Structures are given as C-alpha cells and as structure tokens.
mmCIF file of all heavy atoms, coordinates in Angstrom:
data_MODEL
# 
_entry.id   MODEL 
# 
loop_
_atom_site.group_PDB 
_atom_site.id 
_atom_site.type_symbol 
_atom_site.label_atom_id 
_atom_site.label_alt_id 
_atom_site.label_comp_id 
_atom_site.label_asym_id 
_atom_site.label_entity_id 
_atom_site.label_seq_id 
_atom_site.pdbx_PDB_ins_code 
_atom_site.Cartn_x 
_atom_site.Cartn_y 
_atom_site.Cartn_z 
_atom_site.occupancy 
_atom_site.B_iso_or_equiv 
_atom_site.pdbx_formal_charge 
_atom_site.auth_seq_id 
_atom_site.auth_comp_id 
_atom_site.auth_asym_id 
_atom_site.auth_atom_id 
_atom_site.pdbx_PDB_model_num 
ATOM 1   N N   . ALA A 1 1  ? 97.521  65.682 -100.923 1.00 0.00 ? 1  ALA A N   1 
ATOM 2   C CA  . ALA A 1 1  ? 98.191  66.917 -101.323 1.00 0.00 ? 1  ALA A CA  1 
ATOM 3   C C   . ALA A 1 1  ? 97.623  68.108 -100.558 1.00 0.00 ? 1  ALA A C   1 
ATOM 4   O O   . ALA A 1 1  ? 96.412  68.233 -100.393 1.00 0.00 ? 1  ALA A O   1 
ATOM 5   C CB  . ALA A 1 1  ? 98.034  67.124 -102.823 1.00 0.00 ? 1  ALA A CB  1 
ATOM 6   N N   . GLN A 1 2  ? 98.506  68.971 -100.103 1.00 0.00 ? 2  GLN A N   1 
ATOM 7   C CA  . GLN A 1 2  ? 98.103  70.142 -99.337  1.00 0.00 ? 2  GLN A CA  1 
ATOM 8   C C   . GLN A 1 2  ? 98.761  71.379 -99.916  1.00 0.00 ? 2  GLN A C   1 
ATOM 9   O O   . GLN A 1 2  ? 99.864  71.319 -100.454 1.00 0.00 ? 2  GLN A O   1 
ATOM 10  C CB  . GLN A 1 2  ? 98.510  69.988 -97.869  1.00 0.00 ? 2  GLN A CB  1 
ATOM 11  C CG  . GLN A 1 2  ? 97.813  68.854 -97.128  1.00 0.00 ? 2  GLN A CG  1 
ATOM 12  C CD  . GLN A 1 2  ? 98.400  68.640 -95.751  1.00 0.00 ? 2  GLN A CD  1 
ATOM 13  O OE1 . GLN A 1 2  ? 99.580  68.349 -95.610  1.00 0.00 ? 2  GLN A OE1 1 
ATOM 14  N NE2 . GLN A 1 2  ? 97.579  68.790 -94.726  1.00 0.00 ? 2  GLN A NE2 1 
ATOM 15  N N   . HIS A 1 3  ? 98.080  72.506 -99.757  1.00 0.00 ? 3  HIS A N   1 
ATOM 16  C CA  . HIS A 1 3  ? 98.649  73.792 -100.142 1.00 0.00 ? 3  HIS A CA  1 
ATOM 17  C C   . HIS A 1 3  ? 98.862  74.615 -98.882  1.00 0.00 ? 3  HIS A C   1 
ATOM 18  O O   . HIS A 1 3  ? 98.064  74.549 -97.941  1.00 0.00 ? 3  HIS A O   1 
ATOM 19  C CB  . HIS A 1 3  ? 97.712  74.516 -101.113 1.00 0.00 ? 3  HIS A CB  1 
ATOM 20  C CG  . HIS A 1 3  ? 97.525  73.795 -102.412 1.00 0.00 ? 3  HIS A CG  1 
ATOM 21  N ND1 . HIS A 1 3  ? 96.557  72.834 -102.588 1.00 0.00 ? 3  HIS A ND1 1 
ATOM 22  C CD2 . HIS A 1 3  ? 98.210  73.866 -103.579 1.00 0.00 ? 3  HIS A CD2 1 
ATOM 23  C CE1 . HIS A 1 3  ? 96.630  72.351 -103.820 1.00 0.00 ? 3  HIS A CE1 1 
ATOM 24  N NE2 . HIS A 1 3  ? 97.628  72.962 -104.433 1.00 0.00 ? 3  HIS A NE2 1 
ATOM 25  N N   . PHE A 1 4  ? 99.926  75.395 -98.872  1.00 0.00 ? 4  PHE A N   1 
ATOM 26  C CA  . PHE A 1 4  ? 100.262 76.115 -97.657  1.00 0.00 ? 4  PHE A CA  1 
ATOM 27  C C   . PHE A 1 4  ? 101.107 77.336 -97.964  1.00 0.00 ? 4  PHE A C   1 
ATOM 28  O O   . PHE A 1 4  ? 101.664 77.483 -99.062  1.00 0.00 ? 4  PHE A O   1 
ATOM 29  C CB  . PHE A 1 4  ? 100.991 75.198 -96.671  1.00 0.00 ? 4  PHE A CB  1 
ATOM 30  C CG  . PHE A 1 4  ? 102.354 74.717 -97.127  1.00 0.00 ? 4  PHE A CG  1 
ATOM 31  C CD1 . PHE A 1 4  ? 103.509 75.381 -96.746  1.00 0.00 ? 4  PHE A CD1 1 
ATOM 32  C CD2 . PHE A 1 4  ? 102.465 73.595 -97.944  1.00 0.00 ? 4  PHE A CD2 1 
ATOM 33  C CE1 . PHE A 1 4  ? 104.759 74.945 -97.162  1.00 0.00 ? 4  PHE A CE1 1 
ATOM 34  C CE2 . PHE A 1 4  ? 103.713 73.144 -98.369  1.00 0.00 ? 4  PHE A CE2 1 
ATOM 35  C CZ  . PHE A 1 4  ? 104.856 73.815 -97.978  1.00 0.00 ? 4  PHE A CZ  1 
ATOM 36  N N   . SER A 1 5  ? 101.201 78.213 -96.980  1.00 0.00 ? 5  SER A N   1 
ATOM 37  C CA  . SER A 1 5  ? 102.151 79.331 -97.036  1.00 0.00 ? 5  SER A CA  1 
ATOM 38  C C   . SER A 1 5  ? 102.809 79.451 -95.676  1.00 0.00 ? 5  SER A C   1 
ATOM 39  O O   . SER A 1 5  ? 102.322 78.912 -94.680  1.00 0.00 ? 5  SER A O   1 
ATOM 40  C CB  . SER A 1 5  ? 101.450 80.644 -97.422  1.00 0.00 ? 5  SER A CB  1 
ATOM 41  O OG  . SER A 1 5  ? 100.592 81.080 -96.388  1.00 0.00 ? 5  SER A OG  1 
ATOM 42  N N   . THR A 1 6  ? 103.917 80.168 -95.640  1.00 0.00 ? 6  THR A N   1 
ATOM 43  C CA  . THR A 1 6  ? 104.648 80.375 -94.395  1.00 0.00 ? 6  THR A CA  1 
ATOM 44  C C   . THR A 1 6  ? 104.759 81.860 -94.105  1.00 0.00 ? 6  THR A C   1 
ATOM 45  O O   . THR A 1 6  ? 104.663 82.695 -95.004  1.00 0.00 ? 6  THR A O   1 
ATOM 46  C CB  . THR A 1 6  ? 106.052 79.755 -94.455  1.00 0.00 ? 6  THR A CB  1 
ATOM 47  O OG1 . THR A 1 6  ? 106.762 80.310 -95.567  1.00 0.00 ? 6  THR A OG1 1 
ATOM 48  C CG2 . THR A 1 6  ? 105.966 78.241 -94.610  1.00 0.00 ? 6  THR A CG2 1 
ATOM 49  N N   . GLN A 1 7  ? 104.988 82.180 -92.837  1.00 0.00 ? 7  GLN A N   1 
ATOM 50  C CA  . GLN A 1 7  ? 105.102 83.579 -92.443  1.00 0.00 ? 7  GLN A CA  1 
ATOM 51  C C   . GLN A 1 7  ? 106.415 84.159 -92.951  1.00 0.00 ? 7  GLN A C   1 
ATOM 52  O O   . GLN A 1 7  ? 107.442 83.478 -93.010  1.00 0.00 ? 7  GLN A O   1 
ATOM 53  C CB  . GLN A 1 7  ? 105.034 83.688 -90.923  1.00 0.00 ? 7  GLN A CB  1 
ATOM 54  C CG  . GLN A 1 7  ? 104.951 85.115 -90.410  1.00 0.00 ? 7  GLN A CG  1 
ATOM 55  C CD  . GLN A 1 7  ? 104.699 85.164 -88.916  1.00 0.00 ? 7  GLN A CD  1 
ATOM 56  O OE1 . GLN A 1 7  ? 104.181 84.204 -88.343  1.00 0.00 ? 7  GLN A OE1 1 
ATOM 57  N NE2 . GLN A 1 7  ? 105.058 86.271 -88.277  1.00 0.00 ? 7  GLN A NE2 1 
ATOM 58  N N   . ASN A 1 8  ? 106.357 85.437 -93.318  1.00 0.00 ? 8  ASN A N   1 
ATOM 59  C CA  . ASN A 1 8  ? 107.558 86.140 -93.763  1.00 0.00 ? 8  ASN A CA  1 
ATOM 60  C C   . ASN A 1 8  ? 108.662 86.061 -92.709  1.00 0.00 ? 8  ASN A C   1 
ATOM 61  O O   . ASN A 1 8  ? 108.400 86.022 -91.500  1.00 0.00 ? 8  ASN A O   1 
ATOM 62  C CB  . ASN A 1 8  ? 107.241 87.616 -94.015  1.00 0.00 ? 8  ASN A CB  1 
ATOM 63  C CG  . ASN A 1 8  ? 106.988 87.921 -95.474  1.00 0.00 ? 8  ASN A CG  1 
ATOM 64  O OD1 . ASN A 1 8  ? 107.497 87.227 -96.352  1.00 0.00 ? 8  ASN A OD1 1 
ATOM 65  N ND2 . ASN A 1 8  ? 106.194 88.950 -95.742  1.00 0.00 ? 8  ASN A ND2 1 
ATOM 66  N N   . GLY A 1 9  ? 109.912 86.051 -93.186  1.00 0.00 ? 9  GLY A N   1 
ATOM 67  C CA  . GLY A 1 9  ? 111.055 86.153 -92.294  1.00 0.00 ? 9  GLY A CA  1 
ATOM 68  C C   . GLY A 1 9  ? 111.551 84.842 -91.738  1.00 0.00 ? 9  GLY A C   1 
ATOM 69  O O   . GLY A 1 9  ? 112.456 84.840 -90.899  1.00 0.00 ? 9  GLY A O   1 
ATOM 70  N N   . GLY A 1 10 ? 111.007 83.715 -92.195  1.00 0.00 ? 10 GLY A N   1 
ATOM 71  C CA  . GLY A 1 10 ? 111.459 82.430 -91.708  1.00 0.00 ? 10 GLY A CA  1 
ATOM 72  C C   . GLY A 1 10 ? 112.800 82.045 -92.290  1.00 0.00 ? 10 GLY A C   1 
ATOM 73  O O   . GLY A 1 10 ? 113.212 82.553 -93.341  1.00 0.00 ? 10 GLY A O   1 
ATOM 74  N N   . PRO A 1 11 ? 113.535 81.114 -91.647  1.00 0.00 ? 11 PRO A N   1 
ATOM 75  C CA  . PRO A 1 11 ? 114.867 80.731 -92.118  1.00 0.00 ? 11 PRO A CA  1 
ATOM 76  C C   . PRO A 1 11 ? 114.848 80.001 -93.451  1.00 0.00 ? 11 PRO A C   1 
ATOM 77  O O   . PRO A 1 11 ? 115.866 79.959 -94.140  1.00 0.00 ? 11 PRO A O   1 
ATOM 78  C CB  . PRO A 1 11 ? 115.387 79.823 -91.000  1.00 0.00 ? 11 PRO A CB  1 
ATOM 79  C CG  . PRO A 1 11 ? 114.156 79.290 -90.342  1.00 0.00 ? 11 PRO A CG  1 
ATOM 80  C CD  . PRO A 1 11 ? 113.152 80.400 -90.413  1.00 0.00 ? 11 PRO A CD  1 
ATOM 81  N N   . GLY A 1 12 ? 113.688 79.457 -93.843  1.00 0.00 ? 12 GLY A N   1 
ATOM 82  C CA  . GLY A 1 12 ? 113.604 78.788 -95.135  1.00 0.00 ? 12 GLY A CA  1 
ATOM 83  C C   . GLY A 1 12 ? 113.618 79.751 -96.305  1.00 0.00 ? 12 GLY A C   1 
ATOM 84  O O   . GLY A 1 12 ? 113.890 79.345 -97.442  1.00 0.00 ? 12 GLY A O   1 
ATOM 85  N N   . GLY A 1 13 ? 113.310 81.030 -96.043  1.00 0.00 ? 13 GLY A N   1 
ATOM 86  C CA  . GLY A 1 13 ? 113.428 82.062 -97.065  1.00 0.00 ? 13 GLY A CA  1 
ATOM 87  C C   . GLY A 1 13 ? 112.253 82.220 -97.997  1.00 0.00 ? 13 GLY A C   1 
ATOM 88  O O   . GLY A 1 13 ? 112.282 83.060 -98.895  1.00 0.00 ? 13 GLY A O   1 
ATOM 89  N N   . ALA A 1 14 ? 111.187 81.442 -97.835  1.00 0.00 ? 14 ALA A N   1 
ATOM 90  C CA  . ALA A 1 14 ? 110.037 81.570 -98.731  1.00 0.00 ? 14 ALA A CA  1 
ATOM 91  C C   . ALA A 1 14 ? 109.293 82.872 -98.451  1.00 0.00 ? 14 ALA A C   1 
ATOM 92  O O   . ALA A 1 14 ? 109.085 83.226 -97.287  1.00 0.00 ? 14 ALA A O   1 
ATOM 93  C CB  . ALA A 1 14 ? 109.097 80.384 -98.556  1.00 0.00 ? 14 ALA A CB  1 
ATOM 94  N N   . PRO A 1 15 ? 108.901 83.606 -99.487  1.00 0.00 ? 15 PRO A N   1 
ATOM 95  C CA  . PRO A 1 15 ? 108.112 84.822 -99.268  1.00 0.00 ? 15 PRO A CA  1 
ATOM 96  C C   . PRO A 1 15 ? 106.798 84.494 -98.575  1.00 0.00 ? 15 PRO A C   1 
ATOM 97  O O   . PRO A 1 15 ? 106.220 83.418 -98.762  1.00 0.00 ? 15 PRO A O   1 
ATOM 98  C CB  . PRO A 1 15 ? 107.864 85.349 -100.691 1.00 0.00 ? 15 PRO A CB  1 
ATOM 99  C CG  . PRO A 1 15 ? 108.911 84.700 -101.538 1.00 0.00 ? 15 PRO A CG  1 
ATOM 100 C CD  . PRO A 1 15 ? 109.178 83.371 -100.915 1.00 0.00 ? 15 PRO A CD  1 
ATOM 101 N N   . GLY A 1 16 ? 106.305 85.425 -97.774  1.00 0.00 ? 16 GLY A N   1 
ATOM 102 C CA  . GLY A 1 16 ? 105.075 85.179 -97.039  1.00 0.00 ? 16 GLY A CA  1 
ATOM 103 C C   . GLY A 1 16 ? 103.844 85.084 -97.912  1.00 0.00 ? 16 GLY A C   1 
ATOM 104 O O   . GLY A 1 16 ? 102.801 84.631 -97.443  1.00 0.00 ? 16 GLY A O   1 
ATOM 105 N N   . SER A 1 17 ? 103.929 85.529 -99.157  1.00 0.00 ? 17 SER A N   1 
ATOM 106 C CA  . SER A 1 17 ? 102.770 85.439 -100.048 1.00 0.00 ? 17 SER A CA  1 
ATOM 107 C C   . SER A 1 17 ? 102.903 84.317 -101.072 1.00 0.00 ? 17 SER A C   1 
ATOM 108 O O   . SER A 1 17 ? 102.067 84.186 -101.962 1.00 0.00 ? 17 SER A O   1 
ATOM 109 C CB  . SER A 1 17 ? 102.546 86.770 -100.775 1.00 0.00 ? 17 SER A CB  1 
ATOM 110 O OG  . SER A 1 17 ? 103.661 87.081 -101.603 1.00 0.00 ? 17 SER A OG  1 
ATOM 111 N N   . ALA A 1 18 ? 103.945 83.492 -100.963 1.00 0.00 ? 18 ALA A N   1 
ATOM 112 C CA  . ALA A 1 18 ? 104.091 82.354 -101.879 1.00 0.00 ? 18 ALA A CA  1 
ATOM 113 C C   . ALA A 1 18 ? 103.174 81.215 -101.441 1.00 0.00 ? 18 ALA A C   1 
ATOM 114 O O   . ALA A 1 18 ? 103.086 80.896 -100.249 1.00 0.00 ? 18 ALA A O   1 
ATOM 115 C CB  . ALA A 1 18 ? 105.539 81.881 -101.908 1.00 0.00 ? 18 ALA A CB  1 
ATOM 116 N N   . ILE A 1 19 ? 102.476 80.599 -102.395 1.00 0.00 ? 19 ILE A N   1 
ATOM 117 C CA  . ILE A 1 19 ? 101.623 79.449 -102.110 1.00 0.00 ? 19 ILE A CA  1 
ATOM 118 C C   . ILE A 1 19 ? 102.349 78.205 -102.588 1.00 0.00 ? 19 ILE A C   1 
ATOM 119 O O   . ILE A 1 19 ? 102.715 78.097 -103.765 1.00 0.00 ? 19 ILE A O   1 
ATOM 120 C CB  . ILE A 1 19 ? 100.256 79.576 -102.802 1.00 0.00 ? 19 ILE A CB  1 
ATOM 121 C CG1 . ILE A 1 19 ? 99.523  80.815 -102.277 1.00 0.00 ? 19 ILE A CG1 1 
ATOM 122 C CG2 . ILE A 1 19 ? 99.425  78.318 -102.573 1.00 0.00 ? 19 ILE A CG2 1 
ATOM 123 C CD1 . ILE A 1 19 ? 98.219  81.103 -102.994 1.00 0.00 ? 19 ILE A CD1 1 
ATOM 124 N N   . GLN A 1 20 ? 102.581 77.275 -101.680 1.00 0.00 ? 20 GLN A N   1 
ATOM 125 C CA  . GLN A 1 20 ? 103.319 76.061 -101.993 1.00 0.00 ? 20 GLN A CA  1 
ATOM 126 C C   . GLN A 1 20 ? 102.401 74.846 -101.935 1.00 0.00 ? 20 GLN A C   1 
ATOM 127 O O   . GLN A 1 20 ? 101.366 74.865 -101.270 1.00 0.00 ? 20 GLN A O   1 
ATOM 128 C CB  . GLN A 1 20 ? 104.487 75.896 -101.012 1.00 0.00 ? 20 GLN A CB  1 
ATOM 129 C CG  . GLN A 1 20 ? 105.457 77.079 -101.040 1.00 0.00 ? 20 GLN A CG  1 
ATOM 130 C CD  . GLN A 1 20 ? 106.598 76.904 -100.070 1.00 0.00 ? 20 GLN A CD  1 
ATOM 131 O OE1 . GLN A 1 20 ? 107.485 76.076 -100.256 1.00 0.00 ? 20 GLN A OE1 1 
ATOM 132 N NE2 . GLN A 1 20 ? 106.594 77.696 -99.004  1.00 0.00 ? 20 GLN A NE2 1 
ATOM 133 N N   . GLU A 1 21 ? 102.814 73.789 -102.603 1.00 0.00 ? 21 GLU A N   1 
ATOM 134 C CA  . GLU A 1 21 ? 102.035 72.556 -102.637 1.00 0.00 ? 21 GLU A CA  1 
ATOM 135 C C   . GLU A 1 21 ? 102.894 71.397 -102.162 1.00 0.00 ? 21 GLU A C   1 
ATOM 136 O O   . GLU A 1 21 ? 104.022 71.220 -102.633 1.00 0.00 ? 21 GLU A O   1 
ATOM 137 C CB  . GLU A 1 21 ? 101.528 72.267 -104.046 1.00 0.00 ? 21 GLU A CB  1 
ATOM 138 C CG  . GLU A 1 21 ? 100.706 70.974 -104.157 1.00 0.00 ? 21 GLU A CG  1 
ATOM 139 C CD  . GLU A 1 21 ? 100.254 70.691 -105.568 1.00 0.00 ? 21 GLU A CD  1 
ATOM 140 O OE1 . GLU A 1 21 ? 101.027 70.064 -106.334 1.00 0.00 ? 21 GLU A OE1 1 
ATOM 141 O OE2 . GLU A 1 21 ? 99.128  71.116 -105.930 1.00 0.00 ? 21 GLU A OE2 1 
ATOM 142 N N   . LYS A 1 22 ? 102.346 70.606 -101.245 1.00 0.00 ? 22 LYS A N   1 
ATOM 143 C CA  . LYS A 1 22 ? 102.977 69.363 -100.818 1.00 0.00 ? 22 LYS A CA  1 
ATOM 144 C C   . LYS A 1 22 ? 102.204 68.226 -101.475 1.00 0.00 ? 22 LYS A C   1 
ATOM 145 O O   . LYS A 1 22 ? 101.019 68.020 -101.199 1.00 0.00 ? 22 LYS A O   1 
ATOM 146 C CB  . LYS A 1 22 ? 102.940 69.212 -99.302  1.00 0.00 ? 22 LYS A CB  1 
ATOM 147 C CG  . LYS A 1 22 ? 103.385 67.821 -98.830  1.00 0.00 ? 22 LYS A CG  1 
ATOM 148 C CD  . LYS A 1 22 ? 103.336 67.704 -97.320  1.00 0.00 ? 22 LYS A CD  1 
ATOM 149 C CE  . LYS A 1 22 ? 103.550 66.276 -96.862  1.00 0.00 ? 22 LYS A CE  1 
ATOM 150 N NZ  . LYS A 1 22 ? 104.829 65.693 -97.351  1.00 0.00 ? 22 LYS A NZ  1 
ATOM 151 N N   . ASP A 1 23 ? 102.867 67.482 -102.334 1.00 0.00 ? 23 ASP A N   1 
ATOM 152 C CA  . ASP A 1 23 ? 102.259 66.330 -102.982 1.00 0.00 ? 23 ASP A CA  1 
ATOM 153 C C   . ASP A 1 23 ? 103.196 65.145 -102.749 1.00 0.00 ? 23 ASP A C   1 
ATOM 154 O O   . ASP A 1 23 ? 104.198 64.985 -103.447 1.00 0.00 ? 23 ASP A O   1 
ATOM 155 C CB  . ASP A 1 23 ? 102.062 66.570 -104.469 1.00 0.00 ? 23 ASP A CB  1 
ATOM 156 C CG  . ASP A 1 23 ? 101.242 65.485 -105.148 1.00 0.00 ? 23 ASP A CG  1 
ATOM 157 O OD1 . ASP A 1 23 ? 100.856 64.525 -104.452 1.00 0.00 ? 23 ASP A OD1 1 
ATOM 158 O OD2 . ASP A 1 23 ? 100.980 65.587 -106.357 1.00 0.00 ? 23 ASP A OD2 1 
ATOM 159 N N   . GLY A 1 24 ? 102.887 64.352 -101.723 1.00 0.00 ? 24 GLY A N   1 
ATOM 160 C CA  . GLY A 1 24 ? 103.808 63.294 -101.334 1.00 0.00 ? 24 GLY A CA  1 
ATOM 161 C C   . GLY A 1 24 ? 105.088 63.884 -100.789 1.00 0.00 ? 24 GLY A C   1 
ATOM 162 O O   . GLY A 1 24 ? 105.072 64.705 -99.874  1.00 0.00 ? 24 GLY A O   1 
ATOM 163 N N   . ASP A 1 25 ? 106.220 63.505 -101.375 1.00 0.00 ? 25 ASP A N   1 
ATOM 164 C CA  . ASP A 1 25 ? 107.515 64.028 -100.937 1.00 0.00 ? 25 ASP A CA  1 
ATOM 165 C C   . ASP A 1 25 ? 107.942 65.269 -101.711 1.00 0.00 ? 25 ASP A C   1 
ATOM 166 O O   . ASP A 1 25 ? 109.028 65.787 -101.492 1.00 0.00 ? 25 ASP A O   1 
ATOM 167 C CB  . ASP A 1 25 ? 108.594 62.956 -101.123 1.00 0.00 ? 25 ASP A CB  1 
ATOM 168 C CG  . ASP A 1 25 ? 108.436 61.813 -100.133 1.00 0.00 ? 25 ASP A CG  1 
ATOM 169 O OD1 . ASP A 1 25 ? 107.722 61.999 -99.117  1.00 0.00 ? 25 ASP A OD1 1 
ATOM 170 O OD2 . ASP A 1 25 ? 109.010 60.737 -100.363 1.00 0.00 ? 25 ASP A OD2 1 
ATOM 171 N N   . THR A 1 26 ? 107.094 65.754 -102.612 1.00 0.00 ? 26 THR A N   1 
ATOM 172 C CA  . THR A 1 26 ? 107.464 66.872 -103.482 1.00 0.00 ? 26 THR A CA  1 
ATOM 173 C C   . THR A 1 26 ? 106.837 68.172 -102.997 1.00 0.00 ? 26 THR A C   1 
ATOM 174 O O   . THR A 1 26 ? 105.630 68.241 -102.753 1.00 0.00 ? 26 THR A O   1 
ATOM 175 C CB  . THR A 1 26 ? 107.011 66.603 -104.926 1.00 0.00 ? 26 THR A CB  1 
ATOM 176 O OG1 . THR A 1 26 ? 107.584 65.375 -105.382 1.00 0.00 ? 26 THR A OG1 1 
ATOM 177 C CG2 . THR A 1 26 ? 107.444 67.741 -105.841 1.00 0.00 ? 26 THR A CG2 1 
ATOM 178 N N   . ILE A 1 27 ? 107.670 69.201 -102.840 1.00 0.00 ? 27 ILE A N   1 
ATOM 179 C CA  . ILE A 1 27 ? 107.216 70.538 -102.458 1.00 0.00 ? 27 ILE A CA  1 
ATOM 180 C C   . ILE A 1 27 ? 107.513 71.492 -103.606 1.00 0.00 ? 27 ILE A C   1 
ATOM 181 O O   . ILE A 1 27 ? 108.669 71.609 -104.034 1.00 0.00 ? 27 ILE A O   1 
ATOM 182 C CB  . ILE A 1 27 ? 107.919 71.043 -101.181 1.00 0.00 ? 27 ILE A CB  1 
ATOM 183 C CG1 . ILE A 1 27 ? 107.860 70.004 -100.066 1.00 0.00 ? 27 ILE A CG1 1 
ATOM 184 C CG2 . ILE A 1 27 ? 107.323 72.373 -100.738 1.00 0.00 ? 27 ILE A CG2 1 
ATOM 185 C CD1 . ILE A 1 27 ? 106.480 69.733 -99.538  1.00 0.00 ? 27 ILE A CD1 1 
ATOM 186 N N   . THR A 1 28 ? 106.493 72.173 -104.111 1.00 0.00 ? 28 THR A N   1 
ATOM 187 C CA  . THR A 1 28 ? 106.687 73.123 -105.207 1.00 0.00 ? 28 THR A CA  1 
ATOM 188 C C   . THR A 1 28 ? 105.899 74.398 -104.918 1.00 0.00 ? 28 THR A C   1 
ATOM 189 O O   . THR A 1 28 ? 104.864 74.365 -104.241 1.00 0.00 ? 28 THR A O   1 
ATOM 190 C CB  . THR A 1 28 ? 106.220 72.544 -106.547 1.00 0.00 ? 28 THR A CB  1 
ATOM 191 O OG1 . THR A 1 28 ? 104.853 72.097 -106.432 1.00 0.00 ? 28 THR A OG1 1 
ATOM 192 C CG2 . THR A 1 28 ? 107.095 71.380 -106.976 1.00 0.00 ? 28 THR A CG2 1 
ATOM 193 N N   . THR A 1 29 ? 106.415 75.528 -105.420 1.00 0.00 ? 29 THR A N   1 
ATOM 194 C CA  . THR A 1 29 ? 105.667 76.778 -105.360 1.00 0.00 ? 29 THR A CA  1 
ATOM 195 C C   . THR A 1 29 ? 104.735 76.833 -106.565 1.00 0.00 ? 29 THR A C   1 
ATOM 196 O O   . THR A 1 29 ? 105.181 76.734 -107.709 1.00 0.00 ? 29 THR A O   1 
ATOM 197 C CB  . THR A 1 29 ? 106.615 77.984 -105.366 1.00 0.00 ? 29 THR A CB  1 
ATOM 198 O OG1 . THR A 1 29 ? 107.458 77.925 -104.204 1.00 0.00 ? 29 THR A OG1 1 
ATOM 199 C CG2 . THR A 1 29 ? 105.833 79.292 -105.328 1.00 0.00 ? 29 THR A CG2 1 
# 
C-alpha cells in the first residue's frame, strides 16, 4: 500500500492537496 498526491491541474481532477491511498487495485482519498 502506498500513499500519494498529484500536482494541481492534472486531467484526473484530484486537488493538489488530496492524499490518496493505493491498496492493491483500490484507490481512495
């Protein structure tokens, strides 16, 4: 499992300050 964030303005639309978690095939904020 990994935690990550993305840069603002990406096509996926996630805010730049959102922290997301990848756990297997599941991605959640």
